[in-house]
Protein backbone atom coordinates (compact mmCIF):
# COMPACT_ATOMS: atom_id res chain seq x y z
CA MET A 1 121.63 54.24 96.60
CA LEU A 2 123.67 56.93 97.93
CA LEU A 3 124.37 54.98 100.83
CA GLY A 4 126.42 51.88 98.64
CA VAL A 5 128.39 55.02 96.78
CA ILE A 6 129.38 55.85 100.34
CA ASP A 7 130.47 52.35 101.14
CA GLY A 8 132.13 51.71 97.99
CA ALA A 9 134.34 55.02 98.29
CA ILE A 10 135.33 53.98 101.50
CA GLY A 11 136.55 50.61 100.19
CA ALA A 12 139.07 52.59 98.31
CA GLY A 13 139.98 54.19 100.65
CA TRP A 14 138.07 57.30 100.85
CA SER A 15 137.15 59.43 104.35
CA LEU A 16 133.56 60.11 104.92
CA SER A 17 134.51 63.97 105.03
CA ARG A 18 135.94 63.83 101.76
CA ILE A 19 132.93 61.79 100.50
CA CYS A 20 130.38 64.01 102.04
CA GLY A 21 132.30 66.79 100.57
CA MET A 22 132.29 65.26 97.11
CA LEU A 23 128.55 64.55 97.42
CA GLU A 24 127.38 68.06 99.08
CA LEU A 25 126.34 66.01 102.02
CA ASP A 26 125.98 66.47 105.41
CA ARG A 27 128.24 64.57 107.36
CA GLN A 28 125.95 63.78 110.19
CA ARG A 29 123.30 62.99 107.82
CA ALA A 30 125.51 60.31 106.15
CA TRP A 31 126.29 59.22 109.45
CA ARG A 32 122.72 58.55 110.88
CA TRP A 33 122.00 57.20 107.87
CA ARG A 34 124.88 54.32 108.10
CA ARG A 35 123.97 53.80 112.00
CA ARG A 36 120.08 53.17 111.02
CA ARG A 37 121.21 50.89 108.51
CA GLN A 38 123.11 48.85 111.22
CA VAL A 39 119.73 48.76 113.18
CA GLY A 40 117.67 47.92 110.29
CA ARG A 41 115.76 51.10 110.68
CA LEU A 42 116.41 52.26 107.13
CA ASP A 43 113.35 52.61 105.96
CA ASP A 44 111.64 55.76 107.08
CA THR A 45 108.38 56.02 109.46
CA ALA A 46 104.93 57.00 109.18
CA PRO A 47 104.71 60.63 109.66
CA GLY A 48 102.56 62.07 112.01
CA GLY A 49 103.66 61.13 115.95
CA HIS A 50 101.50 61.94 119.35
CA PRO A 51 101.26 65.26 119.77
CA ILE A 52 100.52 66.17 123.61
CA HIS A 53 98.04 69.05 121.41
CA GLY A 54 96.58 66.72 119.59
CA LEU A 55 92.58 66.34 119.02
CA LEU A 56 91.15 63.62 121.51
CA GLU A 57 88.34 61.23 120.81
CA TRP A 58 86.03 62.63 123.21
CA GLU A 59 86.31 66.21 121.16
CA GLU A 60 85.73 64.83 117.98
CA GLN A 61 82.48 63.10 119.36
CA ALA A 62 81.55 66.21 120.77
CA VAL A 63 81.85 67.52 117.24
CA VAL A 64 79.38 64.91 116.01
CA GLU A 65 77.16 65.34 118.50
CA LEU A 66 76.96 69.55 117.89
CA PHE A 67 76.62 69.25 114.65
CA GLU A 68 73.46 66.19 115.28
CA GLU A 69 71.48 69.31 117.77
CA TRP A 70 73.17 72.28 116.11
CA GLY A 71 73.81 72.02 112.75
CA ALA A 72 70.05 72.96 111.79
CA VAL A 73 70.50 76.34 113.41
CA ASP A 74 74.17 77.22 112.96
CA LEU A 75 74.70 76.31 109.03
CA SER A 76 78.49 76.78 109.15
CA HIS A 77 81.63 75.12 110.61
CA ARG A 78 82.71 78.89 112.35
CA LYS A 79 79.30 79.25 114.28
CA LEU A 80 79.14 75.36 114.99
CA ALA A 81 82.84 75.53 116.84
CA HIS A 82 81.81 79.15 118.59
CA ARG A 83 78.21 77.09 119.86
CA GLY A 84 80.62 74.44 121.52
CA SER A 85 82.97 76.96 123.30
CA TYR A 86 79.49 78.97 124.43
CA LEU A 87 77.87 75.62 125.59
CA GLU A 88 81.20 74.43 127.09
CA ALA A 89 80.91 71.40 125.46
CA VAL A 90 84.54 71.37 123.28
CA TRP A 91 87.02 73.83 122.35
CA VAL A 92 88.41 73.22 119.07
CA SER A 93 89.03 76.08 116.00
CA PRO A 94 86.48 76.20 113.23
CA SER A 95 89.08 74.27 110.84
CA THR A 96 89.27 71.54 112.95
CA VAL A 97 84.90 71.43 113.12
CA ASP A 98 85.55 71.23 109.53
CA ARG A 99 88.08 68.47 109.25
CA ILE A 100 85.90 66.49 111.63
CA LEU A 101 83.14 66.83 109.84
CA ALA A 102 84.66 66.09 106.46
CA ARG A 103 85.95 62.66 108.11
CA HIS A 104 82.50 61.89 109.21
CA GLY A 105 80.89 62.76 106.18
CA LEU A 106 78.88 65.16 107.56
CA CYS A 107 77.86 68.60 105.77
CA LEU A 108 76.51 71.58 106.68
CA ARG A 109 73.94 73.56 104.74
CA GLY A 110 75.91 76.50 105.02
CA GLU A 111 74.76 80.34 104.75
CA PRO A 112 72.37 81.48 102.31
CA ARG A 113 74.63 83.91 99.83
CA ALA A 114 73.84 87.74 100.18
CA ALA A 115 71.68 89.52 97.75
CA LYS A 116 73.86 90.66 95.00
CA THR A 117 73.99 94.38 95.21
CA VAL A 118 74.36 96.76 92.64
CA LYS A 119 76.65 99.45 91.64
CA THR A 120 74.63 103.32 91.95
CA PRO A 121 75.82 104.54 88.23
CA TRP A 122 77.29 107.90 88.40
CA PRO A 123 74.92 111.06 87.68
CA GLN A 124 75.08 111.48 83.91
CA TRP A 125 75.76 115.15 84.28
CA VAL A 126 78.81 113.52 85.28
CA GLN A 127 82.41 114.10 82.94
CA TRP A 128 85.35 112.20 83.17
CA SER A 129 87.38 115.10 84.00
CA PRO A 130 89.37 117.04 86.39
CA ASN A 131 86.89 118.78 89.02
CA GLN A 132 83.85 116.52 88.79
CA LEU A 133 85.08 113.71 90.54
CA TRP A 134 86.61 114.00 94.15
CA CYS A 135 87.01 111.33 96.45
CA TRP A 136 87.45 112.50 100.62
CA ASP A 137 88.20 110.71 103.82
CA GLY A 138 89.32 110.37 106.86
CA SER A 139 91.86 108.25 109.14
CA GLN A 140 92.54 108.32 113.43
CA PHE A 141 95.49 108.65 114.97
CA GLU A 142 94.84 108.18 118.77
CA ARG A 143 98.22 109.19 119.62
CA CYS A 144 98.44 112.58 118.13
CA LYS A 145 96.39 114.78 120.42
CA ALA A 146 96.55 117.86 118.73
CA GLY A 147 95.24 116.47 115.43
CA ARG A 148 94.19 112.92 116.08
CA TYR A 149 91.66 113.35 112.95
CA ALA A 150 93.09 113.52 109.42
CA TYR A 151 91.03 114.44 106.24
CA ALA A 152 92.17 114.54 102.65
CA ILE A 153 90.84 114.90 99.21
CA VAL A 154 91.72 113.63 96.27
CA ASP A 155 90.54 114.00 92.17
CA ILE A 156 89.70 110.84 90.96
CA VAL A 157 90.65 111.99 87.44
CA SER A 158 94.03 113.75 87.93
CA ARG A 159 94.92 111.71 90.61
CA LYS A 160 95.79 115.59 92.19
CA TRP A 161 95.94 115.68 95.89
CA ILE A 162 93.77 118.31 96.60
CA THR A 163 93.92 119.52 100.08
CA THR A 164 94.55 117.93 104.15
CA LEU A 165 93.27 119.03 107.31
CA LEU A 166 94.29 117.95 110.62
CA ALA A 167 91.92 118.50 113.35
CA ALA A 168 91.73 117.69 117.11
CA GLU A 169 87.97 116.67 116.53
CA ALA A 170 85.43 115.00 113.90
CA THR A 171 82.71 116.94 113.67
CA SER A 172 80.74 118.17 110.44
CA VAL A 173 82.85 121.72 110.92
CA GLN A 174 86.05 120.49 110.24
CA VAL A 175 84.47 118.34 107.09
CA LYS A 176 83.22 121.81 105.54
CA VAL A 177 86.57 123.88 106.60
CA LEU A 178 88.27 120.56 104.64
CA PHE A 179 85.83 121.36 101.37
CA SER A 180 86.04 125.17 101.77
CA ALA A 181 89.59 124.92 101.47
CA ALA A 182 90.01 122.08 98.58
CA LEU A 183 87.05 124.46 96.63
CA ARG A 184 89.15 128.00 97.12
CA ALA A 185 92.31 126.11 95.89
CA GLU A 186 91.21 125.07 92.75
CA GLY A 187 88.98 128.23 91.84
CA ILE A 188 85.59 126.49 92.24
CA LEU A 189 83.88 128.97 94.96
CA ASP A 190 85.79 131.77 94.02
CA ASP A 191 83.61 131.42 90.01
CA LEU A 192 80.51 130.37 92.45
CA ASP A 193 81.05 133.63 94.23
CA ARG A 194 81.61 135.78 91.05
CA ARG A 195 77.75 133.98 90.42
CA LEU A 196 76.52 134.69 93.09
CA ALA A 197 77.71 138.03 93.54
CA ASP A 198 75.52 139.10 90.46
CA PRO A 199 72.40 141.19 90.96
CA VAL A 200 70.17 138.86 88.43
CA ILE A 201 69.15 135.82 89.79
CA VAL A 202 71.03 133.03 89.48
CA ASP A 203 69.50 130.33 87.18
CA PHE A 204 70.83 126.44 88.55
CA ASP A 205 69.52 124.60 85.47
CA ASP A 206 72.33 126.98 83.93
CA GLU A 207 74.64 124.25 82.70
CA THR A 208 77.79 126.02 83.09
CA LEU A 209 77.76 125.98 86.69
CA PRO A 210 80.45 123.89 88.53
CA VAL A 211 79.17 120.74 89.74
CA LEU A 212 80.80 118.05 91.89
CA LEU A 213 80.50 114.66 92.91
CA ALA A 214 82.90 113.91 96.30
CA VAL A 215 82.50 110.18 97.12
CA SER A 216 83.58 108.02 100.10
CA ASP A 217 83.08 105.04 101.91
CA ILE A 218 81.53 107.95 104.48
CA HIS A 219 79.03 108.91 102.69
CA SER A 220 78.52 110.86 99.34
CA ARG A 221 78.03 114.24 98.59
């Protein structure tokens, strides 16, 4: 026992400060331990206490009553917590509702799982090479009045940042300007212009024509 070591050192003539320095123990803590031993309170007390924001008995009962009346409708503890506030019956957090129900052995059925989504595959003509897959997106900066909307295009394969556009509006015009600049910067638009300028009717089934897939969480092109 650490207090026994301290008592033995004090009996050998050591000061409490010197003992605590050797033991790397806070002197105030050692003093409190010795004081608690004198009054018979050396054993640790039970944790918890009685916080003023602790859950009241009527609040716990109100949650149980909510479950009995609305559990079949509100299938999650989050909805049940909101229901309590809507009805002005009890104001507790969703995590508190979950703990109370678990303490009483109650269980909500839960919401049905969403249907598993199937990712749309890339078109068969797409090749993993530059200028085949572009990613474009936009961000909004409210405090920048002159250029509130920022657009950008990045090549998915080469990770090349192709172009950026700052605009005061967010319309289809800005998107067209963005893509026109990107196509021109990569030489795709110039090549297409030369082909379309040919007096011979262009065969759009020609596999040598530039084909590009642009994806975004906004929509795809």
